[in-house]
């Protein structure tokens, strides 16, 4: 789980670092600056799972040339994050399994303690 969190943090850090580097160079064209902010918003939405899979699938079907810059970024970031989301789901499922095992072991321990008290 820590590896997934680290991967998310590295992704966010990379995106933030890139945005800072571009801002430091100074854009003369305000439109470029606006596009970067929009793209970061899209990435944040994706990380918060606010971008629907149906929107991603619809955009993925289009030719790259037909996509606006923000849509192109959305598709590529979504594809980059998809395996991480799958790993996160697997980790959550594994965690639930461990929690059930712990509960079962605690119940068994309690029964054994009760038997020892009454013997």
PDB file of N, CA and C in Angstrom:
ATOM      1  N   UNK A   1       0.829  -1.179   0.000  1.00  0.00           N
ATOM      2  CA  UNK A   1       0.000   0.000   0.000  1.00  0.00           C
ATOM      3  C   UNK A   1       0.877   1.248   0.000  1.00  0.00           C
ATOM      4  N   UNK A   2       1.966   1.208   0.767  1.00  0.00           N
ATOM      5  CA  UNK A   2       2.864   2.356   0.813  1.00  0.00           C
ATOM      6  C   UNK A   2       3.462   2.625  -0.562  1.00  0.00           C
ATOM      7  N   UNK A   3       3.714   1.551  -1.308  1.00  0.00           N
ATOM      8  CA  UNK A   3       4.288   1.711  -2.648  1.00  0.00           C
ATOM      9  C   UNK A   3       3.317   2.445  -3.565  1.00  0.00           C
ATOM     10  N   UNK A   4       2.022   2.134  -3.425  1.00  0.00           N
ATOM     11  CA  UNK A   4       1.007   2.812  -4.241  1.00  0.00           C
ATOM     12  C   UNK A   4       0.924   4.278  -3.861  1.00  0.00           C
ATOM     13  N   UNK A   5       0.905   4.519  -2.538  1.00  0.00           N
ATOM     14  CA  UNK A   5       0.858   5.908  -2.080  1.00  0.00           C
ATOM     15  C   UNK A   5       2.081   6.662  -2.579  1.00  0.00           C
ATOM     16  N   UNK A   6       3.235   6.006  -2.525  1.00  0.00           N
ATOM     17  CA  UNK A   6       4.465   6.643  -2.983  1.00  0.00           C
ATOM     18  C   UNK A   6       4.374   6.952  -4.478  1.00  0.00           C
ATOM     19  N   UNK A   7       3.795   6.008  -5.224  1.00  0.00           N
ATOM     20  CA  UNK A   7       3.651   6.209  -6.666  1.00  0.00           C
ATOM     21  C   UNK A   7       2.715   7.387  -6.954  1.00  0.00           C
ATOM     22  N   UNK A   8       1.582   7.466  -6.224  1.00  0.00           N
ATOM     23  CA  UNK A   8       0.678   8.604  -6.384  1.00  0.00           C
ATOM     24  C   UNK A   8       1.396   9.898  -6.038  1.00  0.00           C
ATOM     25  N   UNK A   9       2.139   9.877  -4.924  1.00  0.00           N
ATOM     26  CA  UNK A   9       2.842  11.077  -4.494  1.00  0.00           C
ATOM     27  C   UNK A   9       3.895  11.485  -5.518  1.00  0.00           C
ATOM     28  N   UNK A  10       4.593  10.506  -6.082  1.00  0.00           N
ATOM     29  CA  UNK A  10       5.593  10.817  -7.108  1.00  0.00           C
ATOM     30  C   UNK A  10       4.935  11.427  -8.335  1.00  0.00           C
ATOM     31  N   UNK A  11       3.774  10.893  -8.712  1.00  0.00           N
ATOM     32  CA  UNK A  11       3.048  11.429  -9.867  1.00  0.00           C
ATOM     33  C   UNK A  11       2.628  12.871  -9.604  1.00  0.00           C
ATOM     34  N   UNK A  12       2.055  13.097  -8.437  1.00  0.00           N
ATOM     35  CA  UNK A  12       1.626  14.447  -8.082  1.00  0.00           C
ATOM     36  C   UNK A  12       2.830  15.368  -8.011  1.00  0.00           C
ATOM     37  N   UNK A  13       3.905  14.884  -7.391  1.00  0.00           N
ATOM     38  CA  UNK A  13       5.120  15.685  -7.278  1.00  0.00           C
ATOM     39  C   UNK A  13       5.671  16.027  -8.660  1.00  0.00           C
ATOM     40  N   UNK A  14       5.683  15.050  -9.564  1.00  0.00           N
ATOM     41  CA  UNK A  14       6.171  15.299 -10.931  1.00  0.00           C
ATOM     42  C   UNK A  14       5.346  16.369 -11.623  1.00  0.00           C
ATOM     43  N   UNK A  15       4.041  16.263 -11.495  1.00  0.00           N
ATOM     44  CA  UNK A  15       3.163  17.241 -12.133  1.00  0.00           C
ATOM     45  C   UNK A  15       3.348  18.630 -11.532  1.00  0.00           C
ATOM     46  N   UNK A  16       3.453  18.674 -10.215  1.00  0.00           N
ATOM     47  CA  UNK A  16       3.659  19.974  -9.564  1.00  0.00           C
ATOM     48  C   UNK A  16       5.009  20.565  -9.942  1.00  0.00           C
ATOM     49  N   UNK A  17       6.036  19.725  -9.976  1.00  0.00           N
ATOM     50  CA  UNK A  17       7.366  20.203 -10.331  1.00  0.00           C
ATOM     51  C   UNK A  17       7.378  20.760 -11.744  1.00  0.00           C
ATOM     52  N   UNK A  18       6.729  20.053 -12.657  1.00  0.00           N
ATOM     53  CA  UNK A  18       6.660  20.509 -14.037  1.00  0.00           C
ATOM     54  C   UNK A  18       5.924  21.843 -14.131  1.00  0.00           C
ATOM     55  N   UNK A  19       4.826  21.971 -13.412  1.00  0.00           N
ATOM     56  CA  UNK A  19       4.069  23.230 -13.432  1.00  0.00           C
ATOM     57  C   UNK A  19       4.912  24.375 -12.878  1.00  0.00           C
ATOM     58  N   UNK A  20       5.621  24.112 -11.774  1.00  0.00           N
ATOM     59  CA  UNK A  20       6.482  25.166 -11.195  1.00  0.00           C
ATOM     60  C   UNK A  20       7.588  25.577 -12.159  1.00  0.00           C
ATOM     61  N   UNK A  21       8.216  24.592 -12.804  1.00  0.00           N
ATOM     62  CA  UNK A  21       9.313  24.883 -13.730  1.00  0.00           C
ATOM     63  C   UNK A  21       8.821  25.763 -14.877  1.00  0.00           C
ATOM     64  N   UNK A  22       7.645  25.428 -15.391  1.00  0.00           N
ATOM     65  CA  UNK A  22       7.099  26.220 -16.496  1.00  0.00           C
ATOM     66  C   UNK A  22       6.720  27.619 -16.043  1.00  0.00           C
ATOM     67  N   UNK A  23       6.186  27.719 -14.848  1.00  0.00           N
ATOM     68  CA  UNK A  23       5.824  29.047 -14.337  1.00  0.00           C
ATOM     69  C   UNK A  23       7.067  29.899 -14.111  1.00  0.00           C
ATOM     70  N   UNK A  24       8.154  29.269 -13.630  1.00  0.00           N
ATOM     71  CA  UNK A  24       9.393  30.008 -13.393  1.00  0.00           C
ATOM     72  C   UNK A  24       9.964  30.553 -14.706  1.00  0.00           C
ATOM     73  N   UNK A  25       9.846  29.796 -15.763  1.00  0.00           N
ATOM     74  CA  UNK A  25      10.322  30.280 -17.064  1.00  0.00           C
ATOM     75  C   UNK A  25       9.499  31.462 -17.547  1.00  0.00           C
ATOM     76  N   UNK A  26       8.303  31.558 -17.041  1.00  0.00           N
ATOM     77  CA  UNK A  26       7.443  32.692 -17.390  1.00  0.00           C
ATOM     78  C   UNK A  26       6.813  32.551 -18.758  1.00  0.00           C
ATOM     79  N   UNK A  27       5.513  32.426 -18.786  1.00  0.00           N
ATOM     80  CA  UNK A  27       4.803  32.376 -20.050  1.00  0.00           C
ATOM     81  C   UNK A  27       4.441  33.778 -20.489  1.00  0.00           C
ATOM     82  N   UNK A  28       4.691  34.060 -21.740  1.00  0.00           N
ATOM     83  CA  UNK A  28       4.241  35.327 -22.300  1.00  0.00           C
ATOM     84  C   UNK A  28       2.814  35.179 -22.800  1.00  0.00           C
ATOM     85  N   UNK A  29       2.460  33.964 -23.075  1.00  0.00           N
ATOM     86  CA  UNK A  29       1.130  33.713 -23.606  1.00  0.00           C
ATOM     87  C   UNK A  29       0.237  33.195 -22.481  1.00  0.00           C
ATOM     88  N   UNK A  30      -0.737  33.984 -22.050  1.00  0.00           N
ATOM     89  CA  UNK A  30      -1.628  33.610 -20.950  1.00  0.00           C
ATOM     90  C   UNK A  30      -2.450  32.365 -21.273  1.00  0.00           C
ATOM     91  N   UNK A  31      -2.718  32.086 -22.527  1.00  0.00           N
ATOM     92  CA  UNK A  31      -3.496  30.909 -22.886  1.00  0.00           C
ATOM     93  C   UNK A  31      -2.791  29.626 -22.473  1.00  0.00           C
ATOM     94  N   UNK A  32      -1.472  29.578 -22.656  1.00  0.00           N
ATOM     95  CA  UNK A  32      -0.718  28.398 -22.254  1.00  0.00           C
ATOM     96  C   UNK A  32      -0.819  28.201 -20.745  1.00  0.00           C
ATOM     97  N   UNK A  33      -0.707  29.287 -20.020  1.00  0.00           N
ATOM     98  CA  UNK A  33      -0.798  29.225 -18.566  1.00  0.00           C
ATOM     99  C   UNK A  33      -2.170  28.679 -18.145  1.00  0.00           C
ATOM    100  N   UNK A  34      -3.207  29.142 -18.801  1.00  0.00           N
ATOM    101  CA  UNK A  34      -4.559  28.691 -18.497  1.00  0.00           C
ATOM    102  C   UNK A  34      -4.713  27.197 -18.794  1.00  0.00           C
ATOM    103  N   UNK A  35      -4.151  26.740 -19.902  1.00  0.00           N
ATOM    104  CA  UNK A  35      -4.233  25.318 -20.246  1.00  0.00           C
ATOM    105  C   UNK A  35      -3.569  24.447 -19.193  1.00  0.00           C
ATOM    106  N   UNK A  36      -2.437  24.867 -18.682  1.00  0.00           N
ATOM    107  CA  UNK A  36      -1.742  24.082 -17.658  1.00  0.00           C
ATOM    108  C   UNK A  36      -2.610  23.960 -16.410  1.00  0.00           C
ATOM    109  N   UNK A  37      -3.209  25.069 -16.000  1.00  0.00           N
ATOM    110  CA  UNK A  37      -4.080  25.021 -14.826  1.00  0.00           C
ATOM    111  C   UNK A  37      -5.263  24.086 -15.059  1.00  0.00           C
ATOM    112  N   UNK A  38      -5.837  24.145 -16.252  1.00  0.00           N
ATOM    113  CA  UNK A  38      -6.961  23.261 -16.574  1.00  0.00           C
ATOM    114  C   UNK A  38      -6.520  21.802 -16.541  1.00  0.00           C
ATOM    115  N   UNK A  39      -5.343  21.526 -17.070  1.00  0.00           N
ATOM    116  CA  UNK A  39      -4.837  20.156 -17.071  1.00  0.00           C
ATOM    117  C   UNK A  39      -4.578  19.657 -15.655  1.00  0.00           C
ATOM    118  N   UNK A  40      -4.030  20.503 -14.802  1.00  0.00           N
ATOM    119  CA  UNK A  40      -3.806  20.110 -13.416  1.00  0.00           C
ATOM    120  C   UNK A  40      -5.137  19.843 -12.702  1.00  0.00           C
ATOM    121  N   UNK A  41      -6.137  20.632 -13.041  1.00  0.00           N
ATOM    122  CA  UNK A  41      -7.461  20.398 -12.477  1.00  0.00           C
ATOM    123  C   UNK A  41      -7.995  19.040 -12.921  1.00  0.00           C
ATOM    124  N   UNK A  42      -7.813  18.738 -14.199  1.00  0.00           N
ATOM    125  CA  UNK A  42      -8.237  17.425 -14.695  1.00  0.00           C
ATOM    126  C   UNK A  42      -7.508  16.299 -13.969  1.00  0.00           C
ATOM    127  N   UNK A  43      -6.213  16.462 -13.761  1.00  0.00           N
ATOM    128  CA  UNK A  43      -5.436  15.440 -13.062  1.00  0.00           C
ATOM    129  C   UNK A  43      -5.951  15.289 -11.637  1.00  0.00           C
ATOM    130  N   UNK A  44      -6.175  16.404 -10.954  1.00  0.00           N
ATOM    131  CA  UNK A  44      -6.714  16.341  -9.592  1.00  0.00           C
ATOM    132  C   UNK A  44      -8.058  15.613  -9.578  1.00  0.00           C
ATOM    133  N   UNK A  45      -8.910  15.934 -10.531  1.00  0.00           N
ATOM    134  CA  UNK A  45     -10.212  15.267 -10.611  1.00  0.00           C
ATOM    135  C   UNK A  45     -10.039  13.768 -10.818  1.00  0.00           C
ATOM    136  N   UNK A  46      -9.073  13.415 -11.666  1.00  0.00           N
ATOM    137  CA  UNK A  46      -8.834  12.002 -11.910  1.00  0.00           C
ATOM    138  C   UNK A  46      -8.328  11.314 -10.654  1.00  0.00           C
ATOM    139  N   UNK A  47      -7.423  11.957  -9.954  1.00  0.00           N
ATOM    140  CA  UNK A  47      -6.888  11.365  -8.726  1.00  0.00           C
ATOM    141  C   UNK A  47      -7.979  11.226  -7.679  1.00  0.00           C
ATOM    142  N   UNK A  48      -8.935  12.120  -7.704  1.00  0.00           N
ATOM    143  CA  UNK A  48     -10.064  12.045  -6.784  1.00  0.00           C
ATOM    144  C   UNK A  48     -11.201  11.208  -7.367  1.00  0.00           C
ATOM    145  N   UNK A  49     -10.954  10.574  -8.495  1.00  0.00           N
ATOM    146  CA  UNK A  49     -11.896   9.693  -9.189  1.00  0.00           C
ATOM    147  C   UNK A  49     -13.189  10.410  -9.554  1.00  0.00           C
ATOM    148  N   UNK A  50     -13.074  11.678  -9.964  1.00  0.00           N
ATOM    149  CA  UNK A  50     -14.244  12.430 -10.377  1.00  0.00           C
ATOM    150  C   UNK A  50     -14.430  12.391 -11.895  1.00  0.00           C
ATOM    151  N   UNK A  51     -13.447  11.895 -12.614  1.00  0.00           N
ATOM    152  CA  UNK A  51     -13.573  11.765 -14.058  1.00  0.00           C
ATOM    153  C   UNK A  51     -14.125  10.370 -14.332  1.00  0.00           C
ATOM    154  N   UNK A  52     -15.223  10.322 -15.026  1.00  0.00           N
ATOM    155  CA  UNK A  52     -15.879   9.036 -15.244  1.00  0.00           C
ATOM    156  C   UNK A  52     -15.113   8.190 -16.255  1.00  0.00           C
ATOM    157  N   UNK A  53     -15.236   6.906 -16.060  1.00  0.00           N
ATOM    158  CA  UNK A  53     -14.602   5.975 -16.990  1.00  0.00           C
ATOM    159  C   UNK A  53     -15.234   6.107 -18.376  1.00  0.00           C
ATOM    160  N   UNK A  54     -16.526   6.408 -18.411  1.00  0.00           N
ATOM    161  CA  UNK A  54     -17.200   6.546 -19.708  1.00  0.00           C
ATOM    162  C   UNK A  54     -16.631   7.726 -20.496  1.00  0.00           C
ATOM    163  N   UNK A  55     -16.291   8.813 -19.802  1.00  0.00           N
ATOM    164  CA  UNK A  55     -15.689   9.957 -20.486  1.00  0.00           C
ATOM    165  C   UNK A  55     -14.325   9.565 -21.039  1.00  0.00           C
ATOM    166  N   UNK A  56     -13.539   8.863 -20.236  1.00  0.00           N
ATOM    167  CA  UNK A  56     -12.233   8.391 -20.694  1.00  0.00           C
ATOM    168  C   UNK A  56     -12.388   7.486 -21.917  1.00  0.00           C
ATOM    169  N   UNK A  57     -13.299   6.532 -21.851  1.00  0.00           N
ATOM    170  CA  UNK A  57     -13.491   5.593 -22.961  1.00  0.00           C
ATOM    171  C   UNK A  57     -13.940   6.319 -24.229  1.00  0.00           C
ATOM    172  N   UNK A  58     -14.801   7.314 -24.069  1.00  0.00           N
ATOM    173  CA  UNK A  58     -15.266   8.093 -25.231  1.00  0.00           C
ATOM    174  C   UNK A  58     -14.096   8.832 -25.872  1.00  0.00           C
ATOM    175  N   UNK A  59     -13.262   9.462 -25.046  1.00  0.00           N
ATOM    176  CA  UNK A  59     -12.128  10.217 -25.570  1.00  0.00           C
ATOM    177  C   UNK A  59     -11.066   9.302 -26.168  1.00  0.00           C
ATOM    178  N   UNK A  60     -10.890   8.143 -25.574  1.00  0.00           N
ATOM    179  CA  UNK A  60      -9.871   7.206 -26.049  1.00  0.00           C
ATOM    180  C   UNK A  60     -10.171   6.721 -27.465  1.00  0.00           C
ATOM    181  N   UNK A  61     -11.432   6.676 -27.813  1.00  0.00           N
ATOM    182  CA  UNK A  61     -11.841   6.209 -29.130  1.00  0.00           C
ATOM    183  C   UNK A  61     -11.537   7.221 -30.238  1.00  0.00           C
ATOM    184  N   UNK A  62     -11.334   8.483 -29.875  1.00  0.00           N
ATOM    185  CA  UNK A  62     -11.072   9.520 -30.868  1.00  0.00           C
ATOM    186  C   UNK A  62      -9.599   9.512 -31.276  1.00  0.00           C
ATOM    187  N   UNK A  63      -9.319  10.025 -32.460  1.00  0.00           N
ATOM    188  CA  UNK A  63      -7.927  10.186 -32.896  1.00  0.00           C
ATOM    189  C   UNK A  63      -7.267  11.267 -32.052  1.00  0.00           C
ATOM    190  N   UNK A  64      -5.978  11.096 -31.807  1.00  0.00           N
ATOM    191  CA  UNK A  64      -5.248  12.079 -31.003  1.00  0.00           C
ATOM    192  C   UNK A  64      -5.344  13.471 -31.612  1.00  0.00           C
ATOM    193  N   UNK A  65      -5.341  13.543 -32.928  1.00  0.00           N
ATOM    194  CA  UNK A  65      -5.401  14.839 -33.604  1.00  0.00           C
ATOM    195  C   UNK A  65      -6.724  15.555 -33.348  1.00  0.00           C
ATOM    196  N   UNK A  66      -7.776  14.793 -33.049  1.00  0.00           N
ATOM    197  CA  UNK A  66      -9.092  15.372 -32.825  1.00  0.00           C
ATOM    198  C   UNK A  66      -9.293  15.838 -31.380  1.00  0.00           C
ATOM    199  N   UNK A  67      -8.369  15.496 -30.504  1.00  0.00           N
ATOM    200  CA  UNK A  67      -8.514  15.841 -29.086  1.00  0.00           C
ATOM    201  C   UNK A  67      -7.945  17.218 -28.794  1.00  0.00           C
ATOM    202  N   UNK A  68      -8.634  17.941 -27.914  1.00  0.00           N
ATOM    203  CA  UNK A  68      -8.073  19.186 -27.388  1.00  0.00           C
ATOM    204  C   UNK A  68      -6.922  18.803 -26.456  1.00  0.00           C
ATOM    205  N   UNK A  69      -6.081  19.745 -26.134  1.00  0.00           N
ATOM    206  CA  UNK A  69      -4.914  19.450 -25.302  1.00  0.00           C
ATOM    207  C   UNK A  69      -5.333  18.869 -23.953  1.00  0.00           C
ATOM    208  N   UNK A  70      -6.349  19.469 -23.324  1.00  0.00           N
ATOM    209  CA  UNK A  70      -6.771  18.968 -22.020  1.00  0.00           C
ATOM    210  C   UNK A  70      -7.337  17.550 -22.115  1.00  0.00           C
ATOM    211  N   UNK A  71      -8.019  17.233 -23.202  1.00  0.00           N
ATOM    212  CA  UNK A  71      -8.539  15.883 -23.395  1.00  0.00           C
ATOM    213  C   UNK A  71      -7.406  14.893 -23.640  1.00  0.00           C
ATOM    214  N   UNK A  72      -6.403  15.306 -24.400  1.00  0.00           N
ATOM    215  CA  UNK A  72      -5.234  14.460 -24.650  1.00  0.00           C
ATOM    216  C   UNK A  72      -4.521  14.141 -23.335  1.00  0.00           C
ATOM    217  N   UNK A  73      -4.343  15.157 -22.511  1.00  0.00           N
ATOM    218  CA  UNK A  73      -3.702  14.962 -21.209  1.00  0.00           C
ATOM    219  C   UNK A  73      -4.548  14.028 -20.347  1.00  0.00           C
ATOM    220  N   UNK A  74      -5.857  14.230 -20.335  1.00  0.00           N
ATOM    221  CA  UNK A  74      -6.750  13.399 -19.551  1.00  0.00           C
ATOM    222  C   UNK A  74      -6.603  11.927 -19.928  1.00  0.00           C
ATOM    223  N   UNK A  75      -6.624  11.637 -21.216  1.00  0.00           N
ATOM    224  CA  UNK A  75      -6.508  10.251 -21.678  1.00  0.00           C
ATOM    225  C   UNK A  75      -5.173   9.647 -21.245  1.00  0.00           C
ATOM    226  N   UNK A  76      -4.088  10.375 -21.430  1.00  0.00           N
ATOM    227  CA  UNK A  76      -2.770   9.839 -21.094  1.00  0.00           C
ATOM    228  C   UNK A  76      -2.569   9.666 -19.594  1.00  0.00           C
ATOM    229  N   UNK A  77      -3.040  10.608 -18.801  1.00  0.00           N
ATOM    230  CA  UNK A  77      -2.908  10.473 -17.355  1.00  0.00           C
ATOM    231  C   UNK A  77      -3.800   9.350 -16.849  1.00  0.00           C
ATOM    232  N   UNK A  78      -5.000   9.247 -17.390  1.00  0.00           N
ATOM    233  CA  UNK A  78      -5.911   8.179 -16.983  1.00  0.00           C
ATOM    234  C   UNK A  78      -5.264   6.814 -17.255  1.00  0.00           C
ATOM    235  N   UNK A  79      -4.656   6.682 -18.426  1.00  0.00           N
ATOM    236  CA  UNK A  79      -4.000   5.416 -18.761  1.00  0.00           C
ATOM    237  C   UNK A  79      -2.795   5.151 -17.861  1.00  0.00           C
ATOM    238  N   UNK A  80      -2.134   6.200 -17.430  1.00  0.00           N
ATOM    239  CA  UNK A  80      -1.005   6.043 -16.529  1.00  0.00           C
ATOM    240  C   UNK A  80      -1.489   5.614 -15.135  1.00  0.00           C
ATOM    241  N   UNK A  81      -2.639   6.130 -14.707  1.00  0.00           N
ATOM    242  CA  UNK A  81      -3.141   5.850 -13.374  1.00  0.00           C
ATOM    243  C   UNK A  81      -3.962   4.563 -13.291  1.00  0.00           C
ATOM    244  N   UNK A  82      -4.451   4.071 -14.420  1.00  0.00           N
ATOM    245  CA  UNK A  82      -5.310   2.895 -14.427  1.00  0.00           C
ATOM    246  C   UNK A  82      -4.675   1.692 -13.738  1.00  0.00           C
ATOM    247  N   UNK A  83      -3.415   1.341 -14.046  1.00  0.00           N
ATOM    248  CA  UNK A  83      -2.810   0.201 -13.343  1.00  0.00           C
ATOM    249  C   UNK A  83      -2.651   0.458 -11.840  1.00  0.00           C
ATOM    250  N   UNK A  84      -2.396   1.709 -11.478  1.00  0.00           N
ATOM    251  CA  UNK A  84      -2.253   2.039 -10.058  1.00  0.00           C
ATOM    252  C   UNK A  84      -3.583   1.880  -9.326  1.00  0.00           C
ATOM    253  N   UNK A  85      -4.667   2.272  -9.980  1.00  0.00           N
ATOM    254  CA  UNK A  85      -5.985   2.109  -9.371  1.00  0.00           C
ATOM    255  C   UNK A  85      -6.301   0.625  -9.198  1.00  0.00           C
ATOM    256  N   UNK A  86      -5.925  -0.176 -10.185  1.00  0.00           N
ATOM    257  CA  UNK A  86      -6.141  -1.613 -10.099  1.00  0.00           C
ATOM    258  C   UNK A  86      -5.344  -2.200  -8.941  1.00  0.00           C
ATOM    259  N   UNK A  87      -4.095  -1.781  -8.803  1.00  0.00           N
ATOM    260  CA  UNK A  87      -3.271  -2.243  -7.694  1.00  0.00           C
ATOM    261  C   UNK A  87      -3.866  -1.801  -6.358  1.00  0.00           C
ATOM    262  N   UNK A  88      -4.402  -0.593  -6.316  1.00  0.00           N
ATOM    263  CA  UNK A  88      -5.010  -0.097  -5.091  1.00  0.00           C
ATOM    264  C   UNK A  88      -6.228  -0.951  -4.732  1.00  0.00           C
ATOM    265  N   UNK A  89      -7.043  -1.274  -5.720  1.00  0.00           N
ATOM    266  CA  UNK A  89      -8.211  -2.122  -5.471  1.00  0.00           C
ATOM    267  C   UNK A  89      -7.782  -3.487  -4.948  1.00  0.00           C
ATOM    268  N   UNK A  90      -6.745  -4.060  -5.559  1.00  0.00           N
ATOM    269  CA  UNK A  90      -6.231  -5.351  -5.093  1.00  0.00           C
ATOM    270  C   UNK A  90      -5.739  -5.250  -3.659  1.00  0.00           C
ATOM    271  N   UNK A  91      -5.034  -4.175  -3.348  1.00  0.00           N
ATOM    272  CA  UNK A  91      -4.531  -3.976  -1.994  1.00  0.00           C
ATOM    273  C   UNK A  91      -5.659  -3.819  -0.986  1.00  0.00           C
ATOM    274  N   UNK A  92      -6.703  -3.109  -1.361  1.00  0.00           N
ATOM    275  CA  UNK A  92      -7.842  -2.937  -0.465  1.00  0.00           C
ATOM    276  C   UNK A  92      -8.550  -4.266  -0.222  1.00  0.00           C
ATOM    277  N   UNK A  93      -8.661  -5.074  -1.268  1.00  0.00           N
ATOM    278  CA  UNK A  93      -9.287  -6.381  -1.126  1.00  0.00           C
ATOM    279  C   UNK A  93      -8.440  -7.269  -0.213  1.00  0.00           C
ATOM    280  N   UNK A  94      -7.136  -7.222  -0.388  1.00  0.00           N
ATOM    281  CA  UNK A  94      -6.234  -8.003   0.452  1.00  0.00           C
ATOM    282  C   UNK A  94      -6.334  -7.531   1.904  1.00  0.00           C
ATOM    283  N   UNK A  95      -6.426  -6.232   2.113  1.00  0.00           N
ATOM    284  CA  UNK A  95      -6.557  -5.685   3.461  1.00  0.00           C
ATOM    285  C   UNK A  95      -7.837  -6.185   4.124  1.00  0.00           C
ATOM    286  N   UNK A  96      -8.938  -6.183   3.366  1.00  0.00           N
ATOM    287  CA  UNK A  96     -10.206  -6.705   3.920  1.00  0.00           C
ATOM    288  C   UNK A  96     -10.056  -8.169   4.313  1.00  0.00           C
ATOM    289  N   UNK A  97      -9.353  -8.944   3.490  1.00  0.00           N
ATOM    290  CA  UNK A  97      -9.114 -10.347   3.819  1.00  0.00           C
ATOM    291  C   UNK A  97      -8.323 -10.492   5.110  1.00  0.00           C
ATOM    292  N   UNK A  98      -7.294  -9.675   5.281  1.00  0.00           N
ATOM    293  CA  UNK A  98      -6.501  -9.713   6.510  1.00  0.00           C
ATOM    294  C   UNK A  98      -7.342  -9.300   7.710  1.00  0.00           C
ATOM    295  N   UNK A  99      -8.196  -8.302   7.534  1.00  0.00           N
ATOM    296  CA  UNK A  99      -9.056  -7.869   8.628  1.00  0.00           C
ATOM    297  C   UNK A  99      -9.994  -8.990   9.063  1.00  0.00           C
ATOM    298  N   UNK A 100     -10.533  -9.730   8.100  1.00  0.00           N
ATOM    299  CA  UNK A 100     -11.399 -10.863   8.421  1.00  0.00           C
ATOM    300  C   UNK A 100     -10.615 -11.945   9.155  1.00  0.00           C
ATOM    301  N   UNK A 101      -9.389 -12.206   8.722  1.00  0.00           N
ATOM    302  CA  UNK A 101      -8.557 -13.200   9.397  1.00  0.00           C
ATOM    303  C   UNK A 101      -8.266 -12.778  10.832  1.00  0.00           C
ATOM    304  N   UNK A 102      -7.944 -11.503  11.011  1.00  0.00           N
ATOM    305  CA  UNK A 102      -7.657 -11.000  12.359  1.00  0.00           C
ATOM    306  C   UNK A 102      -8.894 -11.134  13.243  1.00  0.00           C
ATOM    307  N   UNK A 103     -10.055 -10.788  12.696  1.00  0.00           N
ATOM    308  CA  UNK A 103     -11.292 -10.907  13.469  1.00  0.00           C
ATOM    309  C   UNK A 103     -11.516 -12.357  13.868  1.00  0.00           C
ATOM    310  N   UNK A 104     -11.312 -13.269  12.934  1.00  0.00           N
ATOM    311  CA  UNK A 104     -11.478 -14.690  13.239  1.00  0.00           C
ATOM    312  C   UNK A 104     -10.500 -15.155  14.305  1.00  0.00           C
ATOM    313  N   UNK A 105      -9.259 -14.718  14.212  1.00  0.00           N
ATOM    314  CA  UNK A 105      -8.259 -15.101  15.214  1.00  0.00           C
ATOM    315  C   UNK A 105      -8.586 -14.502  16.583  1.00  0.00           C
ATOM    316  N   UNK A 106      -9.065 -13.261  16.592  1.00  0.00           N
ATOM    317  CA  UNK A 106      -9.466 -12.640  17.861  1.00  0.00           C
ATOM    318  C   UNK A 106     -10.644 -13.377  18.487  1.00  0.00           C
ATOM    319  N   UNK A 107     -11.602 -13.787  17.672  1.00  0.00           N
ATOM    320  CA  UNK A 107     -12.747 -14.553  18.176  1.00  0.00           C
ATOM    321  C   UNK A 107     -12.271 -15.883  18.764  1.00  0.00           C
ATOM    322  N   UNK A 108     -11.389 -16.533  18.054  1.00  0.00           N
ATOM    323  CA  UNK A 108     -10.838 -17.818  18.519  1.00  0.00           C
ATOM    324  C   UNK A 108     -10.067 -17.625  19.831  1.00  0.00           C
ATOM    325  N   UNK A 109      -9.291 -16.582  19.909  1.00  0.00           N
ATOM    326  CA  UNK A 109      -8.543 -16.275  21.128  1.00  0.00           C
ATOM    327  C   UNK A 109      -9.497 -16.048  22.296  1.00  0.00           C
ATOM    328  N   UNK A 110     -10.571 -15.287  22.050  1.00  0.00           N
ATOM    329  CA  UNK A 110     -11.542 -15.015  23.098  1.00  0.00           C
ATOM    330  C   UNK A 110     -12.209 -16.304  23.575  1.00  0.00           C
ATOM    331  N   UNK A 111     -12.560 -17.190  22.646  1.00  0.00           N
ATOM    332  CA  UNK A 111     -13.165 -18.474  23.024  1.00  0.00           C
ATOM    333  C   UNK A 111     -12.192 -19.291  23.868  1.00  0.00           C
ATOM    334  N   UNK A 112     -10.923 -19.325  23.470  1.00  0.00           N
ATOM    335  CA  UNK A 112      -9.921 -20.073  24.221  1.00  0.00           C
ATOM    336  C   UNK A 112      -9.730 -19.492  25.617  1.00  0.00           C
ATOM    337  N   UNK A 113      -9.738 -18.160  25.726  1.00  0.00           N
ATOM    338  CA  UNK A 113      -9.604 -17.523  27.047  1.00  0.00           C
ATOM    339  C   UNK A 113     -10.802 -17.849  27.929  1.00  0.00           C
ATOM    340  N   UNK A 114     -11.993 -17.834  27.326  1.00  0.00           N
ATOM    341  CA  UNK A 114     -13.194 -18.180  28.083  1.00  0.00           C
ATOM    342  C   UNK A 114     -13.142 -19.622  28.568  1.00  0.00           C
ATOM    343  N   UNK A 115     -12.673 -20.536  27.707  1.00  0.00           N
ATOM    344  CA  UNK A 115     -12.552 -21.949  28.102  1.00  0.00           C
ATOM    345  C   UNK A 115     -11.558 -22.111  29.242  1.00  0.00           C
ATOM    346  N   UNK A 116     -10.466 -21.375  29.193  1.00  0.00           N
ATOM    347  CA  UNK A 116      -9.458 -21.457  30.256  1.00  0.00           C
ATOM    348  C   UNK A 116     -10.013 -20.923  31.576  1.00  0.00           C
ATOM    349  N   UNK A 117     -10.808 -19.867  31.515  1.00  0.00           N
ATOM    350  CA  UNK A 117     -11.398 -19.311  32.736  1.00  0.00           C
ATOM    351  C   UNK A 117     -12.374 -20.270  33.375  1.00  0.00           C
ATOM    352  N   UNK A 118     -13.094 -21.027  32.568  1.00  0.00           N
ATOM    353  CA  UNK A 118     -14.149 -21.916  33.072  1.00  0.00           C
ATOM    354  C   UNK A 118     -13.656 -23.329  33.336  1.00  0.00           C
ATOM    355  N   UNK A 119     -12.380 -23.608  33.114  1.00  0.00           N
ATOM    356  CA  UNK A 119     -11.896 -24.968  33.364  1.00  0.00           C
ATOM    357  C   UNK A 119     -11.208 -25.079  34.683  1.00  0.00           C
TER     358      UNK A 119
END
